[in-house]
Amino acid sequence: MNFRTLFFATLLAGLSLSALSQEKTLTGAQEAFAKLDRALNESYQKARATLPEHLFEQVREEQRNWIEYRDQRAATAARLDGGADEGKEKANPEYWNALAYLTETRIKILRAWTRVDQFSKSWEGVWTDGYGGHLLIAEDEAGNLTFTCSAVRGASYHNGHIAGTAKAYQSTARFSTTAEGEEKETWLTFLQEDDGRLRIIGENTEHFHGARAYFDGRYLRVRELTAEDRKEIADPGF
């Protein structure tokens, strides 16, 4: 399973990325990435012009970290999916396809930063941490959060999935479950932060993910739920 297919299977394709149509030639892949890279710069400049200085400082630091992550993941995709030799990743179309995929995801995150306070409900929506974590939340009037969370992490695409219902209390929600055959409870804590992000803290989650995968992180809401998202929450399929 390659980089694109694996991310699609773990719901990251919920971001509606046009980069999922991979280019087969090196030149085509490079040109597709160059177009998205220009759009990325435009989104970054819009965020700079729109956000308060204290928020943009967070975005600036996040952007620097993301670029390092993007390049590392693209090199991994070239080796694992494209069969590239180490040191020759940039000569492989998979490198540029992965750059394009990750860049379009990042564009959506930058755009989301400019509208963190424009959603209809406090918790509901599609969230991503930008590093392989993807979260869907549906919210009812009683403060119950039905969610599904998927993650793909690490150089070998370790993944994880967890779903259930959490109870929200103001800016905090908690979920617990005990996996079959396990004695320890698994906990997820959801914390709404002042900048609009949602922080997930996991405890005893190992049963639900691979060795290098995790659910913990800071997630940003990128859009409202669609009818298909609600079906996915109701029946995660794992």
Protein backbone atom coordinates (compact mmCIF):
# COMPACT_ATOMS: atom_id res chain seq x y z
CA MET A 1 0.00 0.00 0.00
CA ASN A 2 1.59 3.31 -1.01
CA PHE A 3 1.65 6.73 0.68
CA ARG A 4 -1.45 8.05 -1.08
CA THR A 5 -3.56 4.90 -0.62
CA LEU A 6 -2.66 4.49 3.03
CA PHE A 7 -3.62 8.06 3.89
CA PHE A 8 -6.87 7.71 1.99
CA ALA A 9 -7.71 4.55 3.91
CA THR A 10 -7.19 6.34 7.22
CA LEU A 11 -9.56 9.21 6.37
CA LEU A 12 -7.02 11.90 5.53
CA ALA A 13 -8.63 11.96 2.12
CA GLY A 14 -11.57 13.61 3.91
CA LEU A 15 -9.71 16.85 3.22
CA SER A 16 -10.69 16.49 -0.48
CA LEU A 17 -7.18 16.72 -1.84
CA SER A 18 -6.80 17.05 -5.60
CA ALA A 19 -3.21 15.81 -5.20
CA LEU A 20 -4.62 12.29 -4.87
CA SER A 21 -4.38 12.04 -8.67
CA GLN A 22 -0.69 11.14 -8.72
CA GLU A 23 1.59 12.15 -11.56
CA LYS A 24 3.50 9.27 -13.15
CA THR A 25 6.40 11.23 -14.64
CA LEU A 26 9.07 13.15 -12.75
CA THR A 27 8.39 16.37 -14.68
CA GLY A 28 4.65 16.13 -14.17
CA ALA A 29 5.04 15.51 -10.44
CA GLN A 30 7.46 18.42 -10.08
CA GLU A 31 5.12 20.78 -11.93
CA ALA A 32 2.13 19.71 -9.82
CA PHE A 33 4.09 20.40 -6.66
CA ALA A 34 5.35 23.78 -7.93
CA LYS A 35 1.76 24.91 -8.49
CA LEU A 36 0.75 23.89 -4.97
CA ASP A 37 3.86 25.46 -3.49
CA ARG A 38 2.84 28.81 -4.98
CA ALA A 39 -0.64 28.41 -3.47
CA LEU A 40 0.97 27.54 -0.13
CA ASN A 41 2.94 30.78 -0.14
CA GLU A 42 -0.21 32.75 -0.95
CA SER A 43 -2.07 31.11 1.95
CA TYR A 44 0.83 31.78 4.29
CA GLN A 45 0.92 35.47 3.36
CA LYS A 46 -2.84 35.74 3.83
CA ALA A 47 -2.51 34.23 7.30
CA ARG A 48 0.22 36.75 8.10
CA ALA A 49 -2.02 39.62 7.01
CA THR A 50 -5.11 38.30 8.78
CA LEU A 51 -4.06 36.82 12.11
CA PRO A 52 -3.14 38.71 15.29
CA GLU A 53 0.62 38.77 15.80
CA HIS A 54 0.59 36.31 18.70
CA LEU A 55 -1.30 33.74 16.63
CA PHE A 56 0.82 34.23 13.55
CA GLU A 57 3.95 33.59 15.60
CA GLN A 58 2.52 30.16 16.37
CA VAL A 59 1.78 29.59 12.69
CA ARG A 60 5.30 30.68 11.73
CA GLU A 61 6.92 28.22 14.13
CA GLU A 62 4.49 25.48 13.06
CA GLN A 63 5.35 26.16 9.42
CA ARG A 64 9.07 25.71 10.05
CA ASN A 65 8.50 22.40 11.81
CA TRP A 66 6.10 21.25 9.11
CA ILE A 67 8.59 21.89 6.28
CA GLU A 68 11.10 19.61 7.98
CA TYR A 69 8.40 16.97 8.46
CA ARG A 70 7.19 17.33 4.84
CA ASP A 71 10.64 16.77 3.37
CA GLN A 72 11.30 13.75 5.60
CA ARG A 73 7.97 12.12 4.75
CA ALA A 74 8.46 12.77 1.03
CA ALA A 75 11.88 11.09 1.11
CA THR A 76 10.33 8.12 2.93
CA ALA A 77 7.57 7.88 0.29
CA ALA A 78 10.16 7.88 -2.49
CA ARG A 79 12.06 5.01 -0.88
CA LEU A 80 9.12 2.87 0.29
CA ASP A 81 6.63 3.54 -2.50
CA GLY A 82 8.93 4.48 -5.38
CA GLY A 83 11.86 2.16 -4.69
CA ALA A 84 14.33 5.06 -4.70
CA ASP A 85 17.84 4.57 -3.38
CA GLU A 86 18.84 6.66 -0.39
CA GLY A 87 20.19 10.00 -1.55
CA LYS A 88 18.32 9.79 -4.88
CA GLU A 89 14.79 10.42 -3.61
CA LYS A 90 14.31 13.66 -5.54
CA ALA A 91 14.74 11.83 -8.83
CA ASN A 92 11.64 9.75 -8.08
CA PRO A 93 8.07 10.96 -8.89
CA GLU A 94 6.83 9.61 -5.54
CA TYR A 95 8.92 12.23 -3.75
CA TRP A 96 7.17 15.08 -5.53
CA ASN A 97 3.75 13.44 -5.33
CA ALA A 98 4.16 13.19 -1.56
CA LEU A 99 5.29 16.82 -1.38
CA ALA A 100 2.19 17.83 -3.32
CA TYR A 101 -0.14 15.80 -1.11
CA LEU A 102 1.30 17.17 2.11
CA THR A 103 1.44 20.71 0.75
CA GLU A 104 -2.24 20.73 -0.17
CA THR A 105 -3.07 19.46 3.30
CA ARG A 106 -1.00 22.30 4.75
CA ILE A 107 -2.80 24.87 2.60
CA LYS A 108 -6.10 23.79 4.13
CA ILE A 109 -4.62 24.13 7.61
CA LEU A 110 -3.33 27.64 6.91
CA ARG A 111 -6.74 28.65 5.60
CA ALA A 112 -8.37 27.12 8.68
CA TRP A 113 -6.25 29.30 10.96
CA THR A 114 -8.02 32.38 9.57
CA ARG A 115 -11.50 31.08 10.52
CA VAL A 116 -11.10 29.21 13.79
CA ASP A 117 -14.08 31.08 15.29
CA GLN A 118 -16.50 30.63 12.37
CA PHE A 119 -17.94 27.18 13.09
CA SER A 120 -21.53 26.45 14.05
CA LYS A 121 -20.77 24.29 17.10
CA SER A 122 -18.11 24.27 19.77
CA TRP A 123 -16.62 20.83 19.03
CA GLU A 124 -18.15 19.51 15.84
CA GLY A 125 -16.18 19.26 12.64
CA VAL A 126 -13.21 17.74 10.85
CA TRP A 127 -9.89 18.24 12.63
CA THR A 128 -6.29 17.45 11.69
CA ASP A 129 -2.94 17.86 13.40
CA GLY A 130 -1.12 18.08 10.06
CA TYR A 131 1.17 15.19 10.94
CA GLY A 132 -1.02 12.20 10.16
CA GLY A 133 -3.73 12.62 12.79
CA HIS A 134 -7.34 13.00 11.61
CA LEU A 135 -10.37 13.49 13.86
CA LEU A 136 -14.12 13.65 13.15
CA ILE A 137 -16.48 14.87 15.88
CA ALA A 138 -20.28 15.04 15.91
CA GLU A 139 -21.83 16.98 18.81
CA ASP A 140 -25.35 16.75 20.25
CA GLU A 141 -27.25 19.20 22.45
CA ALA A 142 -26.49 17.23 25.63
CA GLY A 143 -22.75 17.67 25.20
CA ASN A 144 -22.06 14.17 23.92
CA LEU A 145 -19.26 13.95 21.36
CA THR A 146 -19.30 10.98 19.01
CA PHE A 147 -15.90 10.75 17.35
CA THR A 148 -13.54 8.69 15.26
CA CYS A 149 -9.81 9.32 15.26
CA SER A 150 -7.26 7.86 12.85
CA ALA A 151 -3.52 8.33 12.65
CA VAL A 152 -0.65 7.40 10.36
CA ARG A 153 2.77 8.01 11.88
CA GLY A 154 6.42 7.19 11.52
CA ALA A 155 8.69 6.26 8.69
CA SER A 156 6.90 2.97 8.07
CA TYR A 157 3.35 4.36 8.15
CA HIS A 158 2.33 2.87 11.50
CA ASN A 159 -1.37 3.55 11.97
CA GLY A 160 -4.09 3.59 14.59
CA HIS A 161 -7.86 3.92 14.94
CA ILE A 162 -10.16 4.63 17.86
CA ALA A 163 -13.82 5.67 18.10
CA GLY A 164 -16.50 6.19 20.70
CA THR A 165 -18.47 8.79 22.64
CA ALA A 166 -16.96 11.37 24.97
CA LYS A 167 -18.78 13.60 27.45
CA ALA A 168 -17.97 17.30 27.23
CA TYR A 169 -17.79 19.61 30.23
CA GLN A 170 -17.24 23.18 29.05
CA SER A 171 -13.78 23.12 27.39
CA THR A 172 -12.88 19.53 28.36
CA ALA A 173 -14.17 16.12 27.23
CA ARG A 174 -13.20 12.62 28.37
CA PHE A 175 -13.52 9.21 26.74
CA SER A 176 -12.70 5.84 28.25
CA THR A 177 -12.92 2.23 27.15
CA THR A 178 -11.38 -1.12 27.98
CA ALA A 179 -10.18 -3.13 25.02
CA GLU A 180 -11.08 -6.80 24.85
CA GLY A 181 -8.56 -8.86 26.78
CA GLU A 182 -7.03 -5.81 28.46
CA GLU A 183 -7.14 -4.90 32.14
CA LYS A 184 -6.15 -1.23 31.94
CA GLU A 185 -8.63 1.39 30.79
CA THR A 186 -7.83 3.51 27.76
CA TRP A 187 -8.45 7.24 28.17
CA LEU A 188 -8.58 10.15 25.76
CA THR A 189 -8.83 13.69 27.07
CA PHE A 190 -9.91 16.46 24.68
CA LEU A 191 -8.94 20.00 25.65
CA GLN A 192 -10.09 23.14 23.81
CA GLU A 193 -7.23 25.63 23.74
CA ASP A 194 -7.47 29.42 23.60
CA ASP A 195 -6.08 29.61 20.06
CA GLY A 196 -8.87 27.43 18.64
CA ARG A 197 -6.98 24.16 18.52
CA LEU A 198 -8.04 20.93 20.20
CA ARG A 199 -5.46 19.02 22.20
CA ILE A 200 -5.73 15.24 22.61
CA ILE A 201 -3.97 13.49 25.48
CA GLY A 202 -4.03 9.70 25.43
CA GLU A 203 -3.46 7.20 28.25
CA ASN A 204 -2.95 3.46 27.72
CA THR A 205 -3.80 3.71 24.02
CA GLU A 206 -1.29 1.09 22.82
CA HIS A 207 -3.98 -1.48 21.95
CA PHE A 208 -5.42 0.87 19.32
CA HIS A 209 -2.33 1.77 17.30
CA GLY A 210 1.00 0.54 15.97
CA ALA A 211 4.31 0.96 17.75
CA ARG A 212 5.10 4.40 16.31
CA ALA A 213 1.56 5.70 15.99
CA TYR A 214 -0.25 7.89 18.51
CA PHE A 215 -3.37 10.04 18.83
CA ASP A 216 -1.86 12.76 21.01
CA GLY A 217 -1.37 16.19 19.50
CA ARG A 218 -2.90 19.56 18.75
CA TYR A 219 -5.61 19.43 16.10
CA LEU A 220 -7.05 22.30 14.07
CA ARG A 221 -10.59 22.27 12.67
CA VAL A 222 -10.53 22.55 8.89
CA ARG A 223 -14.21 22.27 7.93
CA GLU A 224 -17.76 21.37 8.94
CA LEU A 225 -18.99 17.78 8.77
CA THR A 226 -20.57 16.47 5.59
CA ALA A 227 -23.20 13.75 5.32
CA GLU A 228 -20.43 11.29 4.42
CA ASP A 229 -18.46 12.31 7.51
CA ARG A 230 -21.50 11.59 9.69
CA LYS A 231 -21.80 8.14 8.13
CA GLU A 232 -18.13 7.53 8.89
CA ILE A 233 -18.63 8.55 12.53
CA ALA A 234 -21.67 6.27 12.84
CA ASP A 235 -19.81 3.32 11.29
CA PRO A 236 -16.02 3.82 11.36
CA GLY A 237 -15.39 0.45 9.77
CA PHE A 238 -12.65 -0.76 12.11
